[in-house]
C-alpha atoms as a PDB file:
ATOM      1  CA  MET A   1       0.015   0.044  -0.022  1.00  0.00           C
ATOM      2  CA  GLN A   2       1.337   3.468  -0.843  1.00  0.00           C
ATOM      3  CA  LYS A   3       0.154   6.933  -0.348  1.00  0.00           C
ATOM      4  CA  ILE A   4      -0.391   8.612  -3.726  1.00  0.00           C
ATOM      5  CA  GLY A   5      -0.398  12.170  -4.854  1.00  0.00           C
ATOM      6  CA  LYS A   6      -0.233  14.148  -8.015  1.00  0.00           C
ATOM      7  CA  ASP A   7       3.145  12.743  -9.049  1.00  0.00           C
ATOM      8  CA  ASN A   8       1.594   9.208  -9.234  1.00  0.00           C
ATOM      9  CA  MET A   9      -1.406  10.345 -11.296  1.00  0.00           C
ATOM     10  CA  THR A  10       0.194  10.158 -14.680  1.00  0.00           C
ATOM     11  CA  SER A  11      -3.002   9.038 -16.563  1.00  0.00           C
ATOM     12  CA  GLY A  12      -4.827  12.235 -15.740  1.00  0.00           C
ATOM     13  CA  SER A  13      -4.825  15.539 -14.141  1.00  0.00           C
ATOM     14  CA  ILE A  14      -6.405  16.371 -10.779  1.00  0.00           C
ATOM     15  CA  SER A  15      -6.477  20.059  -9.961  1.00  0.00           C
ATOM     16  CA  GLN A  16      -7.020  19.811  -6.252  1.00  0.00           C
ATOM     17  CA  GLY A  17      -6.173  17.219  -3.455  1.00  0.00           C
ATOM     18  CA  LYS A  18      -4.950  13.718  -3.800  1.00  0.00           C
ATOM     19  CA  ALA A  19      -6.197  10.186  -3.165  1.00  0.00           C
ATOM     20  CA  ASP A  20      -5.294   8.788   0.210  1.00  0.00           C
ATOM     21  CA  PHE A  21      -3.875   5.350  -0.775  1.00  0.00           C
ATOM     22  CA  LEU A  22      -3.194   3.124  -3.648  1.00  0.00           C
ATOM     23  CA  CYS A  23      -3.361  -0.551  -2.737  1.00  0.00           C
ATOM     24  CA  TYR A  24      -2.068  -3.530  -4.888  1.00  0.00           C
ATOM     25  CA  ASP A  25      -1.456  -1.042  -7.698  1.00  0.00           C
ATOM     26  CA  SER A  26      -5.179  -1.265  -8.534  1.00  0.00           C
ATOM     27  CA  ILE A  27      -7.355   0.038  -5.712  1.00  0.00           C
ATOM     28  CA  ILE A  28      -7.763   3.696  -4.884  1.00  0.00           C
ATOM     29  CA  VAL A  29      -8.697   4.144  -1.172  1.00  0.00           C
ATOM     30  CA  GLU A  30     -10.200   7.467  -0.056  1.00  0.00           C
ATOM     31  CA  ILE A  31     -10.627   7.824   3.780  1.00  0.00           C
ATOM     32  CA  LYS A  32     -13.087  10.195   5.405  1.00  0.00           C
ATOM     33  CA  ALA A  33     -14.136  11.013   9.020  1.00  0.00           C
ATOM     34  CA  ALA A  34     -17.365  12.804   8.324  1.00  0.00           C
ATOM     35  CA  THR A  35     -20.844  12.625   9.731  1.00  0.00           C
ATOM     36  CA  PHE A  36     -22.079  11.056   6.557  1.00  0.00           C
ATOM     37  CA  ILE A  37     -20.767  10.254   3.009  1.00  0.00           C
ATOM     38  CA  HIS A  38     -21.606  13.234   0.954  1.00  0.00           C
ATOM     39  CA  ASN A  39     -22.168  13.084  -2.839  1.00  0.00           C
ATOM     40  CA  ASP A  40     -19.087  15.361  -3.225  1.00  0.00           C
ATOM     41  CA  ASN A  41     -17.051  12.605  -1.519  1.00  0.00           C
ATOM     42  CA  LYS A  42     -18.274  10.072  -4.088  1.00  0.00           C
ATOM     43  CA  ARG A  43     -17.616  12.381  -6.990  1.00  0.00           C
ATOM     44  CA  GLN A  44     -14.073  12.983  -5.697  1.00  0.00           C
ATOM     45  CA  THR A  45     -13.466   9.247  -5.465  1.00  0.00           C
ATOM     46  CA  ILE A  46     -14.776   8.557  -8.977  1.00  0.00           C
ATOM     47  CA  ASN A  47     -12.507  11.496 -10.318  1.00  0.00           C
ATOM     48  CA  TYR A  48      -9.413   9.943  -8.645  1.00  0.00           C
ATOM     49  CA  LEU A  49     -10.381   6.619  -9.966  1.00  0.00           C
ATOM     50  CA  ASN A  50     -10.720   7.777 -13.533  1.00  0.00           C
ATOM     51  CA  ALA A  51      -7.513  10.164 -13.377  1.00  0.00           C
ATOM     52  CA  VAL A  52      -5.300   7.237 -12.519  1.00  0.00           C
ATOM     53  CA  ASN A  53      -7.199   4.613 -14.586  1.00  0.00           C
ATOM     54  CA  LYS A  54      -7.508   2.056 -11.813  1.00  0.00           C
ATOM     55  CA  PRO A  55     -10.371  -0.490 -11.689  1.00  0.00           C
ATOM     56  CA  VAL A  56     -11.634  -0.193  -8.157  1.00  0.00           C
ATOM     57  CA  GLY A  57     -12.189   2.697  -5.744  1.00  0.00           C
ATOM     58  CA  LEU A  58     -13.143   2.430  -1.989  1.00  0.00           C
ATOM     59  CA  LEU A  59     -14.599   5.415  -0.084  1.00  0.00           C
ATOM     60  CA  ILE A  60     -14.387   4.573   3.684  1.00  0.00           C
ATOM     61  CA  ASN A  61     -15.988   6.726   6.318  1.00  0.00           C
ATOM     62  CA  PHE A  62     -15.013   6.376   9.948  1.00  0.00           C
ATOM     63  CA  GLY A  63     -16.995   9.338  11.207  1.00  0.00           C
ATOM     64  CA  GLU A  64     -20.515   7.864  11.434  1.00  0.00           C
ATOM     65  CA  ALA A  65     -21.880   5.718  14.240  1.00  0.00           C
ATOM     66  CA  SER A  66     -20.479   2.687  12.494  1.00  0.00           C
ATOM     67  CA  LEU A  67     -18.108   2.290   9.630  1.00  0.00           C
ATOM     68  CA  LYS A  68     -19.607   2.949   6.188  1.00  0.00           C
ATOM     69  CA  TRP A  69     -17.938   2.195   2.756  1.00  0.00           C
ATOM     70  CA  LYS A  70     -18.798   2.494  -0.867  1.00  0.00           C
ATOM     71  CA  ARG A  71     -17.128   0.708  -3.664  1.00  0.00           C
ATOM     72  CA  PHE A  72     -16.724   2.105  -7.148  1.00  0.00           C
ATOM     73  CA  ILE A  73     -15.910   0.182 -10.353  1.00  0.00           C
ATOM     74  CA  ASN A  74     -14.247   1.857 -13.370  1.00  0.00           C
ATOM     75  CA  SER A  75     -15.256  -0.411 -16.140  1.00  0.00           C
ATOM     76  CA  LYS A  76     -12.905   1.364 -18.526  1.00  0.00           C
ATOM     77  CA  ALA A  77      -9.909   0.154 -16.524  1.00  0.00           C
ATOM     78  CA  LEU A  78     -10.956  -3.485 -16.192  1.00  0.00           C
ATOM     79  CA  PRO A  79      -8.983  -6.076 -18.105  1.00  0.00           C
ATOM     80  CA  SER A  80     -10.843  -7.387 -21.283  1.00  0.00           C
ATOM     81  CA  ALA A  81     -12.463 -10.795 -20.834  1.00  0.00           C
END
């Protein structure tokens, strides 16, 4: 697992911020500690996922009463069957 920033995002351009982690060279992990998962958080994760052309993104929120997570799939980055 590695922390990624703009230097690692060679497939696209992200004007603000950075994704929190890249796991197994294919999973973008975005960590939050908010009272709920907002649509802006979902859009941010999708943008990161598309920018680095990785197949899976996870948005994990530790700020709610119990852990909440959302998985995103980038079908353009999946290997052809």
